[in-house]
Every structure is written in C-alpha cells, then in structure tokens.
Amino acid sequence: MNTDDSRYHKTYPVSWSQFHNDCRALAWRLLEIRERWARIVAIARGGLVPAAIIARELDIHFIDTVCISSYTLRSRGSAKILKSSIGDSEDCLIIDDLVDTGKTARIVREMLPKSHFATVYAKPDGRPLTDTYVTEVSQETWILFPWDSEPQYQYIDPIADISKSLNG
C-alpha cells in the first residue's frame, strides 16, 4: 500500500455489493432497536452512501448532514466542523461508514448526545463510541470503500495452471 501513514499495514477492499449488504444488515439491527426512526443525520462524506441505503430500507425521509473534515489516507489534521446539525432526539440516527479513532464520533456525539450512533464498520479505538455497527476491522487496516477505488479487471491465471507450471 502506498501511504505516508505507517499505521496502516493492511487494506480491506469493499465492493459495492458487499457494502450494500452490510448496510442492509445494519438496517436490520436498527429496526430491531426501534421500529420507527424520525430522521437520519449523515456524517459527510463517508456517511452519505450508507445513510441513503439505510433511509430507503427503513423508510426514513428526513435526512440531514453534519460535515466534518478530519483526515485522509495521507494526513490527519485537527477536525474542522463545516456544518452542524440540530434537533437531537432519541429517535434520531447518526450514520457514518466507519468509526476509526473516534475523533469525529466524539464531536458528533457532543452535538447530538441523545441520538443513536451507527456505523457500518468499526475499529477498536472508536468502537466504544458507537451504539450499533456491523463489522469490526483491525485498527491498522485501511478500508478501501467502493467510492474511493476504481474497479479494474485483472487477469490472474487459474490456480490449476499455476500449479502445473510450478510442478513442471
């Protein structure tokens, strides 16, 4: 992996299909917690796609955003609030794609302390800040989301052919 950040030793590529299925799994969990949610607050940008999927699955039409800029693969800076949200309540869902270190989650939880915080993926450092998540990945893993990566066809010989060439 070509990165300036030595924290990430692994990558976890996620396809559109897998991501959609993981979001549906999160929606099922959220439905078990509360039959009707009043609104979603998506953490932009990563929370926009899962918020749209979950909004469809749970028939939620009120969607707002919180916009915070905190890091990219190459750099981490101080978090900058670009847009906040109002209307904290127990029937409000905060949605993000991932909780990593918890820096962004802490900020949003302070803004909306009564709301339910849900992410598709969680890393150990940020996991305690989420109320609901689907999949945990290790702290040193960089998740390659489908909107951040480009699918490319790669021809790889079948294992049987590789084995034949190795065994002569």
N, C-alpha and C. Protein backbone atom coordinates (compact mmCIF):
# COMPACT_ATOMS: atom_id res chain seq x y z
N MET A 1 0.84 -1.17 0.00
CA MET A 1 0.00 0.00 0.00
C MET A 1 0.89 1.23 0.00
N ASN A 2 0.60 2.15 -0.88
CA ASN A 2 1.39 3.36 -0.98
C ASN A 2 0.77 4.45 -0.11
N THR A 3 1.29 4.61 1.09
CA THR A 3 0.76 5.62 2.01
C THR A 3 1.88 6.18 2.85
N ASP A 4 1.73 7.43 3.25
CA ASP A 4 2.70 8.05 4.14
C ASP A 4 2.41 7.73 5.59
N ASP A 5 1.27 7.10 5.87
CA ASP A 5 0.86 6.82 7.24
C ASP A 5 1.24 5.39 7.59
N SER A 6 2.19 5.23 8.48
CA SER A 6 2.69 3.90 8.82
C SER A 6 1.74 3.10 9.70
N ARG A 7 0.64 3.71 10.12
CA ARG A 7 -0.35 3.00 10.94
C ARG A 7 -1.05 1.90 10.18
N TYR A 8 -1.20 2.07 8.88
CA TYR A 8 -1.99 1.14 8.09
C TYR A 8 -1.10 0.10 7.43
N HIS A 9 -1.24 -1.14 7.87
CA HIS A 9 -0.43 -2.23 7.35
C HIS A 9 -1.23 -3.16 6.46
N LYS A 10 -2.55 -2.99 6.46
CA LYS A 10 -3.42 -3.86 5.68
C LYS A 10 -4.47 -3.01 4.97
N THR A 11 -5.01 -3.57 3.90
CA THR A 11 -6.16 -2.94 3.26
C THR A 11 -7.30 -3.95 3.25
N TYR A 12 -8.50 -3.42 3.27
CA TYR A 12 -9.71 -4.23 3.23
C TYR A 12 -10.60 -3.66 2.14
N PRO A 13 -10.51 -4.21 0.91
CA PRO A 13 -11.34 -3.69 -0.17
C PRO A 13 -12.80 -4.14 -0.01
N VAL A 14 -13.70 -3.19 -0.18
CA VAL A 14 -15.13 -3.47 -0.05
C VAL A 14 -15.79 -3.15 -1.39
N SER A 15 -16.50 -4.12 -1.95
CA SER A 15 -17.21 -3.91 -3.22
C SER A 15 -18.54 -3.20 -2.96
N TRP A 16 -19.14 -2.68 -4.02
CA TRP A 16 -20.45 -2.05 -3.89
C TRP A 16 -21.46 -3.05 -3.35
N SER A 17 -21.42 -4.26 -3.85
CA SER A 17 -22.37 -5.28 -3.43
C SER A 17 -22.20 -5.60 -1.94
N GLN A 18 -20.97 -5.80 -1.51
CA GLN A 18 -20.72 -6.09 -0.10
C GLN A 18 -21.16 -4.92 0.77
N PHE A 19 -20.84 -3.70 0.34
CA PHE A 19 -21.20 -2.54 1.13
C PHE A 19 -22.72 -2.42 1.27
N HIS A 20 -23.42 -2.64 0.17
CA HIS A 20 -24.88 -2.57 0.21
C HIS A 20 -25.43 -3.63 1.17
N ASN A 21 -24.90 -4.84 1.09
CA ASN A 21 -25.35 -5.90 2.00
C ASN A 21 -25.04 -5.57 3.46
N ASP A 22 -23.88 -5.00 3.72
CA ASP A 22 -23.52 -4.60 5.08
C ASP A 22 -24.45 -3.49 5.60
N CYS A 23 -24.82 -2.57 4.73
CA CYS A 23 -25.76 -1.51 5.12
C CYS A 23 -27.14 -2.08 5.42
N ARG A 24 -27.56 -3.06 4.63
CA ARG A 24 -28.85 -3.71 4.90
C ARG A 24 -28.80 -4.46 6.23
N ALA A 25 -27.68 -5.08 6.53
CA ALA A 25 -27.53 -5.76 7.83
C ALA A 25 -27.63 -4.75 8.96
N LEU A 26 -27.02 -3.58 8.78
CA LEU A 26 -27.12 -2.53 9.79
C LEU A 26 -28.57 -2.06 9.93
N ALA A 27 -29.27 -1.92 8.82
CA ALA A 27 -30.69 -1.51 8.87
C ALA A 27 -31.52 -2.52 9.66
N TRP A 28 -31.27 -3.81 9.46
CA TRP A 28 -32.00 -4.84 10.23
C TRP A 28 -31.75 -4.67 11.72
N ARG A 29 -30.51 -4.44 12.09
CA ARG A 29 -30.18 -4.25 13.52
C ARG A 29 -30.88 -3.01 14.08
N LEU A 30 -30.90 -1.95 13.30
CA LEU A 30 -31.54 -0.72 13.75
C LEU A 30 -33.05 -0.88 13.88
N LEU A 31 -33.65 -1.66 12.98
CA LEU A 31 -35.08 -1.93 13.06
C LEU A 31 -35.42 -2.73 14.32
N GLU A 32 -34.52 -3.63 14.73
CA GLU A 32 -34.74 -4.40 15.95
C GLU A 32 -34.70 -3.50 17.19
N ILE A 33 -33.94 -2.41 17.12
CA ILE A 33 -33.82 -1.49 18.25
C ILE A 33 -35.04 -0.57 18.34
N ARG A 34 -35.49 -0.08 17.19
CA ARG A 34 -36.63 0.85 17.15
C ARG A 34 -37.36 0.63 15.83
N GLU A 35 -38.64 0.46 15.90
CA GLU A 35 -39.42 0.22 14.69
C GLU A 35 -39.50 1.45 13.79
N ARG A 36 -39.47 2.62 14.38
CA ARG A 36 -39.60 3.85 13.59
C ARG A 36 -38.57 4.87 14.05
N TRP A 37 -37.71 5.29 13.15
CA TRP A 37 -36.74 6.36 13.41
C TRP A 37 -37.25 7.62 12.72
N ALA A 38 -37.12 8.75 13.39
CA ALA A 38 -37.66 10.01 12.85
C ALA A 38 -36.78 10.60 11.75
N ARG A 39 -35.46 10.48 11.92
CA ARG A 39 -34.57 11.12 10.95
C ARG A 39 -33.18 10.51 11.02
N ILE A 40 -32.41 10.82 10.00
CA ILE A 40 -31.01 10.41 9.92
C ILE A 40 -30.16 11.67 9.81
N VAL A 41 -29.05 11.66 10.53
CA VAL A 41 -28.02 12.67 10.35
C VAL A 41 -26.80 11.91 9.83
N ALA A 42 -26.46 12.16 8.57
CA ALA A 42 -25.32 11.50 7.94
C ALA A 42 -24.08 12.33 8.19
N ILE A 43 -22.99 11.67 8.55
CA ILE A 43 -21.71 12.36 8.68
C ILE A 43 -21.06 12.38 7.31
N ALA A 44 -20.98 13.58 6.73
CA ALA A 44 -20.43 13.72 5.39
C ALA A 44 -18.90 13.69 5.45
N ARG A 45 -18.30 13.02 4.52
CA ARG A 45 -18.82 12.46 3.31
C ARG A 45 -19.10 10.97 3.45
N GLY A 46 -18.33 10.27 4.25
CA GLY A 46 -18.43 8.82 4.32
C GLY A 46 -19.79 8.29 4.71
N GLY A 47 -20.56 9.03 5.47
CA GLY A 47 -21.87 8.56 5.92
C GLY A 47 -22.99 8.78 4.93
N LEU A 48 -22.71 9.48 3.82
CA LEU A 48 -23.77 9.80 2.87
C LEU A 48 -24.33 8.55 2.18
N VAL A 49 -23.47 7.68 1.70
CA VAL A 49 -23.94 6.49 0.98
C VAL A 49 -24.67 5.54 1.93
N PRO A 50 -24.09 5.19 3.09
CA PRO A 50 -24.86 4.30 3.97
C PRO A 50 -26.15 4.95 4.46
N ALA A 51 -26.17 6.25 4.65
CA ALA A 51 -27.40 6.93 5.09
C ALA A 51 -28.49 6.79 4.03
N ALA A 52 -28.13 6.91 2.76
CA ALA A 52 -29.12 6.76 1.68
C ALA A 52 -29.69 5.34 1.65
N ILE A 53 -28.82 4.35 1.81
CA ILE A 53 -29.28 2.96 1.79
C ILE A 53 -30.17 2.68 3.00
N ILE A 54 -29.74 3.11 4.16
CA ILE A 54 -30.50 2.86 5.39
C ILE A 54 -31.82 3.63 5.37
N ALA A 55 -31.81 4.86 4.85
CA ALA A 55 -33.04 5.64 4.74
C ALA A 55 -34.06 4.91 3.87
N ARG A 56 -33.60 4.33 2.79
CA ARG A 56 -34.50 3.56 1.91
C ARG A 56 -35.03 2.34 2.64
N GLU A 57 -34.14 1.60 3.27
CA GLU A 57 -34.54 0.35 3.93
C GLU A 57 -35.48 0.58 5.11
N LEU A 58 -35.32 1.69 5.81
CA LEU A 58 -36.14 1.95 7.00
C LEU A 58 -37.25 2.98 6.73
N ASP A 59 -37.39 3.39 5.47
CA ASP A 59 -38.42 4.34 5.05
C ASP A 59 -38.33 5.65 5.83
N ILE A 60 -37.13 6.19 5.90
CA ILE A 60 -36.89 7.47 6.55
C ILE A 60 -36.70 8.53 5.47
N HIS A 61 -37.47 9.61 5.56
CA HIS A 61 -37.40 10.65 4.52
C HIS A 61 -36.71 11.92 4.98
N PHE A 62 -36.48 12.06 6.26
CA PHE A 62 -35.83 13.26 6.80
C PHE A 62 -34.36 12.93 6.99
N ILE A 63 -33.52 13.52 6.14
CA ILE A 63 -32.08 13.28 6.21
C ILE A 63 -31.37 14.62 6.29
N ASP A 64 -30.48 14.74 7.26
CA ASP A 64 -29.68 15.94 7.44
C ASP A 64 -28.21 15.51 7.40
N THR A 65 -27.31 16.46 7.42
CA THR A 65 -25.88 16.13 7.44
C THR A 65 -25.15 16.93 8.50
N VAL A 66 -24.07 16.33 8.95
CA VAL A 66 -23.05 17.00 9.74
C VAL A 66 -21.80 16.90 8.89
N CYS A 67 -21.12 18.00 8.67
CA CYS A 67 -19.94 17.98 7.81
C CYS A 67 -18.70 18.30 8.63
N ILE A 68 -17.82 17.31 8.72
CA ILE A 68 -16.59 17.44 9.50
C ILE A 68 -15.44 16.94 8.64
N SER A 69 -14.39 17.71 8.58
CA SER A 69 -13.19 17.31 7.85
C SER A 69 -12.11 17.00 8.87
N SER A 70 -11.63 15.74 8.85
CA SER A 70 -10.62 15.39 9.86
C SER A 70 -9.42 14.65 9.31
N TYR A 71 -9.59 13.77 8.31
CA TYR A 71 -8.42 13.06 7.82
C TYR A 71 -8.64 12.46 6.45
N THR A 72 -7.51 12.15 5.84
CA THR A 72 -7.48 11.38 4.60
C THR A 72 -6.47 10.27 4.82
N LEU A 73 -6.27 9.46 3.83
CA LEU A 73 -5.28 8.39 3.94
C LEU A 73 -3.89 8.95 4.21
N ARG A 74 -3.58 10.08 3.61
CA ARG A 74 -2.23 10.63 3.69
C ARG A 74 -2.00 11.56 4.88
N SER A 75 -3.04 12.14 5.42
CA SER A 75 -2.81 13.10 6.50
C SER A 75 -3.96 13.12 7.49
N ARG A 76 -3.62 13.46 8.72
CA ARG A 76 -4.61 13.66 9.77
C ARG A 76 -4.35 15.02 10.36
N GLY A 77 -5.38 15.81 10.39
CA GLY A 77 -5.25 17.12 11.00
C GLY A 77 -6.29 17.27 12.08
N SER A 78 -6.42 18.48 12.57
CA SER A 78 -7.46 18.71 13.57
C SER A 78 -8.81 18.70 12.86
N ALA A 79 -9.81 18.25 13.57
CA ALA A 79 -11.15 18.19 13.00
C ALA A 79 -11.71 19.59 12.82
N LYS A 80 -12.35 19.79 11.70
CA LYS A 80 -12.91 21.09 11.39
C LYS A 80 -14.40 20.89 11.09
N ILE A 81 -15.25 21.54 11.88
CA ILE A 81 -16.70 21.42 11.67
C ILE A 81 -17.09 22.37 10.54
N LEU A 82 -17.61 21.82 9.47
CA LEU A 82 -18.01 22.61 8.31
C LEU A 82 -19.51 22.90 8.34
N LYS A 83 -20.30 21.99 8.94
CA LYS A 83 -21.75 22.17 9.08
C LYS A 83 -22.21 21.30 10.23
N SER A 84 -23.00 21.86 11.13
CA SER A 84 -23.53 21.08 12.25
C SER A 84 -25.00 20.79 12.01
N SER A 85 -25.60 20.04 12.92
CA SER A 85 -27.00 19.66 12.81
C SER A 85 -27.70 20.01 14.11
N ILE A 86 -28.99 20.22 14.02
CA ILE A 86 -29.78 20.50 15.22
C ILE A 86 -30.90 19.47 15.34
N GLY A 87 -31.54 19.44 16.47
CA GLY A 87 -32.70 18.57 16.64
C GLY A 87 -32.36 17.22 17.21
N ASP A 88 -31.51 17.18 18.19
CA ASP A 88 -31.11 15.93 18.85
C ASP A 88 -32.33 15.27 19.50
N SER A 89 -32.47 13.96 19.29
CA SER A 89 -33.54 13.20 19.94
C SER A 89 -33.20 11.73 19.94
N GLU A 90 -33.91 10.99 20.77
CA GLU A 90 -33.65 9.55 20.87
C GLU A 90 -34.07 8.79 19.62
N ASP A 91 -34.93 9.37 18.80
CA ASP A 91 -35.34 8.67 17.57
C ASP A 91 -34.61 9.20 16.34
N CYS A 92 -33.43 9.77 16.58
CA CYS A 92 -32.57 10.27 15.51
C CYS A 92 -31.37 9.33 15.36
N LEU A 93 -31.06 8.96 14.13
CA LEU A 93 -29.92 8.11 13.82
C LEU A 93 -28.77 8.94 13.28
N ILE A 94 -27.60 8.77 13.82
CA ILE A 94 -26.38 9.32 13.23
C ILE A 94 -25.75 8.17 12.47
N ILE A 95 -25.45 8.38 11.20
CA ILE A 95 -24.90 7.32 10.35
C ILE A 95 -23.55 7.73 9.79
N ASP A 96 -22.58 6.82 9.90
CA ASP A 96 -21.28 7.01 9.26
C ASP A 96 -20.84 5.67 8.69
N ASP A 97 -19.91 5.73 7.74
CA ASP A 97 -19.40 4.49 7.16
C ASP A 97 -18.51 3.74 8.14
N LEU A 98 -17.74 4.49 8.94
CA LEU A 98 -16.69 3.89 9.76
C LEU A 98 -16.43 4.76 10.98
N VAL A 99 -16.16 4.11 12.10
CA VAL A 99 -15.59 4.81 13.24
C VAL A 99 -14.17 4.27 13.38
N ASP A 100 -13.19 5.17 13.31
CA ASP A 100 -11.78 4.78 13.31
C ASP A 100 -11.18 5.10 14.68
N THR A 101 -10.61 6.25 14.84
CA THR A 101 -10.02 6.62 16.14
C THR A 101 -11.07 7.14 17.10
N GLY A 102 -12.20 7.58 16.57
CA GLY A 102 -13.27 8.13 17.39
C GLY A 102 -13.28 9.64 17.45
N LYS A 103 -12.33 10.29 16.78
CA LYS A 103 -12.24 11.76 16.83
C LYS A 103 -13.53 12.40 16.30
N THR A 104 -13.96 12.01 15.12
CA THR A 104 -15.18 12.56 14.54
C THR A 104 -16.39 12.15 15.36
N ALA A 105 -16.44 10.90 15.78
CA ALA A 105 -17.57 10.40 16.56
C ALA A 105 -17.75 11.20 17.85
N ARG A 106 -16.66 11.53 18.52
CA ARG A 106 -16.75 12.32 19.76
C ARG A 106 -17.40 13.68 19.51
N ILE A 107 -16.99 14.32 18.44
CA ILE A 107 -17.53 15.63 18.10
C ILE A 107 -19.03 15.55 17.84
N VAL A 108 -19.43 14.56 17.04
CA VAL A 108 -20.84 14.43 16.68
C VAL A 108 -21.67 14.00 17.90
N ARG A 109 -21.12 13.14 18.73
CA ARG A 109 -21.85 12.72 19.95
C ARG A 109 -22.05 13.91 20.88
N GLU A 110 -21.09 14.83 20.93
CA GLU A 110 -21.27 16.04 21.75
C GLU A 110 -22.38 16.92 21.17
N MET A 111 -22.46 16.99 19.83
CA MET A 111 -23.52 17.78 19.19
C MET A 111 -24.90 17.18 19.42
N LEU A 112 -24.96 15.84 19.34
CA LEU A 112 -26.23 15.12 19.37
C LEU A 112 -26.18 13.98 20.40
N PRO A 113 -26.10 14.30 21.69
CA PRO A 113 -25.87 13.27 22.70
C PRO A 113 -27.02 12.27 22.89
N LYS A 114 -28.24 12.63 22.52
CA LYS A 114 -29.37 11.71 22.70
C LYS A 114 -29.55 10.77 21.51
N SER A 115 -28.94 11.09 20.39
CA SER A 115 -29.13 10.32 19.16
C SER A 115 -28.40 8.98 19.21
N HIS A 116 -28.82 8.08 18.35
CA HIS A 116 -28.24 6.73 18.25
C HIS A 116 -27.17 6.75 17.16
N PHE A 117 -25.94 6.40 17.51
CA PHE A 117 -24.81 6.46 16.58
C PHE A 117 -24.56 5.07 15.99
N ALA A 118 -24.66 4.96 14.66
CA ALA A 118 -24.48 3.67 13.99
C ALA A 118 -23.49 3.80 12.85
N THR A 119 -22.62 2.81 12.73
CA THR A 119 -21.66 2.77 11.63
C THR A 119 -21.67 1.39 10.99
N VAL A 120 -21.26 1.34 9.76
CA VAL A 120 -21.17 0.06 9.07
C VAL A 120 -19.96 -0.71 9.59
N TYR A 121 -18.83 -0.02 9.71
CA TYR A 121 -17.58 -0.65 10.16
C TYR A 121 -17.07 0.07 11.41
N ALA A 122 -16.37 -0.66 12.25
CA ALA A 122 -15.81 -0.08 13.48
C ALA A 122 -14.42 -0.64 13.73
N LYS A 123 -13.54 0.23 14.17
CA LYS A 123 -12.21 -0.17 14.60
C LYS A 123 -12.17 -0.11 16.12
N PRO A 124 -11.27 -0.86 16.75
CA PRO A 124 -11.26 -0.95 18.22
C PRO A 124 -11.20 0.38 18.95
N ASP A 125 -10.41 1.35 18.47
CA ASP A 125 -10.29 2.63 19.18
C ASP A 125 -11.60 3.41 19.19
N GLY A 126 -12.39 3.31 18.14
CA GLY A 126 -13.63 4.06 18.06
C GLY A 126 -14.88 3.28 18.43
N ARG A 127 -14.77 1.97 18.47
CA ARG A 127 -15.93 1.11 18.73
C ARG A 127 -16.74 1.51 19.96
N PRO A 128 -16.12 1.89 21.09
CA PRO A 128 -16.94 2.25 22.27
C PRO A 128 -17.85 3.46 22.06
N LEU A 129 -17.60 4.24 21.01
CA LEU A 129 -18.42 5.42 20.75
C LEU A 129 -19.65 5.12 19.90
N THR A 130 -19.72 3.92 19.34
CA THR A 130 -20.87 3.56 18.51
C THR A 130 -21.90 2.81 19.35
N ASP A 131 -23.15 2.99 18.98
CA ASP A 131 -24.21 2.21 19.61
C ASP A 131 -24.45 0.92 18.84
N THR A 132 -24.30 0.98 17.52
CA THR A 132 -24.55 -0.18 16.66
C THR A 132 -23.57 -0.14 15.49
N TYR A 133 -23.01 -1.31 15.15
CA TYR A 133 -22.17 -1.43 13.96
C TYR A 133 -22.31 -2.85 13.44
N VAL A 134 -21.79 -3.10 12.24
CA VAL A 134 -21.94 -4.41 11.62
C VAL A 134 -20.65 -5.21 11.68
N THR A 135 -19.53 -4.63 11.25
CA THR A 135 -18.28 -5.37 11.11
C THR A 135 -17.14 -4.62 11.78
N GLU A 136 -16.34 -5.36 12.54
CA GLU A 136 -15.15 -4.76 13.15
C GLU A 136 -13.92 -5.14 12.32
N VAL A 137 -13.06 -4.17 12.10
CA VAL A 137 -11.78 -4.41 11.42
C VAL A 137 -10.67 -3.93 12.34
N SER A 138 -9.47 -4.43 12.12
CA SER A 138 -8.35 -4.06 12.99
C SER A 138 -7.99 -2.59 12.82
N GLN A 139 -7.38 -2.04 13.83
CA GLN A 139 -7.02 -0.62 13.83
C GLN A 139 -6.05 -0.28 12.70
N GLU A 140 -5.18 -1.22 12.33
CA GLU A 140 -4.16 -0.94 11.31
C GLU A 140 -4.64 -1.20 9.88
N THR A 141 -5.94 -1.40 9.70
CA THR A 141 -6.49 -1.67 8.37
C THR A 141 -7.10 -0.42 7.77
N TRP A 142 -6.75 -0.15 6.51
CA TRP A 142 -7.36 0.92 5.75
C TRP A 142 -8.45 0.30 4.89
N ILE A 143 -9.69 0.74 5.07
CA ILE A 143 -10.81 0.21 4.29
C ILE A 143 -10.86 0.94 2.96
N LEU A 144 -10.86 0.18 1.89
CA LEU A 144 -10.98 0.75 0.54
C LEU A 144 -12.45 0.70 0.15
N PHE A 145 -13.14 1.81 0.35
CA PHE A 145 -14.56 1.88 0.02
C PHE A 145 -14.73 1.95 -1.49
N PRO A 146 -15.85 1.46 -2.00
CA PRO A 146 -16.03 1.42 -3.46
C PRO A 146 -16.01 2.80 -4.11
N TRP A 147 -16.41 3.84 -3.41
CA TRP A 147 -16.39 5.19 -4.00
C TRP A 147 -15.00 5.81 -3.98
N ASP A 148 -14.06 5.17 -3.30
CA ASP A 148 -12.68 5.67 -3.26
C ASP A 148 -11.73 4.83 -4.11
N SER A 149 -12.24 3.80 -4.73
CA SER A 149 -11.36 2.92 -5.51
C SER A 149 -11.99 2.67 -6.87
N GLU A 150 -11.17 2.30 -7.79
CA GLU A 150 -11.62 2.07 -9.15
C GLU A 150 -11.53 0.58 -9.47
N PRO A 151 -12.64 -0.03 -9.83
CA PRO A 151 -12.56 -1.46 -10.16
C PRO A 151 -11.80 -1.65 -11.47
N GLN A 152 -10.91 -2.60 -11.47
CA GLN A 152 -10.14 -2.89 -12.67
C GLN A 152 -10.09 -4.39 -12.86
N TYR A 153 -10.18 -4.80 -14.12
CA TYR A 153 -10.07 -6.21 -14.44
C TYR A 153 -8.61 -6.61 -14.32
N GLN A 154 -8.36 -7.68 -13.62
CA GLN A 154 -7.01 -8.21 -13.51
C GLN A 154 -7.05 -9.69 -13.88
N TYR A 155 -6.30 -10.04 -14.90
CA TYR A 155 -6.27 -11.44 -15.27
C TYR A 155 -5.22 -12.14 -14.42
N ILE A 156 -5.65 -13.14 -13.74
CA ILE A 156 -4.75 -13.97 -12.94
C ILE A 156 -4.98 -15.40 -13.38
N ASP A 157 -3.89 -16.10 -13.63
CA ASP A 157 -4.01 -17.49 -14.05
C ASP A 157 -4.76 -18.30 -13.01
N PRO A 158 -5.57 -19.26 -13.46
CA PRO A 158 -6.24 -20.16 -12.51
C PRO A 158 -5.20 -20.92 -11.68
N ILE A 159 -5.55 -21.26 -10.48
CA ILE A 159 -4.64 -21.96 -9.57
C ILE A 159 -4.13 -23.26 -10.20
N ALA A 160 -4.99 -23.97 -10.91
CA ALA A 160 -4.58 -25.22 -11.54
C ALA A 160 -3.43 -24.98 -12.53
N ASP A 161 -3.53 -23.88 -13.31
CA ASP A 161 -2.48 -23.56 -14.27
C ASP A 161 -1.20 -23.17 -13.56
N ILE A 162 -1.31 -22.41 -12.48
CA ILE A 162 -0.12 -22.01 -11.71
C ILE A 162 0.55 -23.25 -11.14
N SER A 163 -0.25 -24.17 -10.62
CA SER A 163 0.28 -25.40 -10.03
C SER A 163 1.02 -26.25 -11.08
N LYS A 164 0.45 -26.34 -12.28
CA LYS A 164 1.08 -27.11 -13.36
C LYS A 164 2.44 -26.52 -13.71
N SER A 165 2.51 -25.18 -13.80
CA SER A 165 3.78 -24.56 -14.17
C SER A 165 4.83 -24.71 -13.07
N LEU A 166 4.39 -24.73 -11.82
CA LEU A 166 5.33 -24.92 -10.72
C LEU A 166 5.85 -26.35 -10.63
N ASN A 167 4.97 -27.29 -10.97
CA ASN A 167 5.32 -28.71 -10.85
C ASN A 167 5.89 -29.28 -12.14
N GLY A 168 5.96 -28.44 -13.15
CA GLY A 168 6.62 -28.82 -14.38
C GLY A 168 5.83 -29.69 -15.23
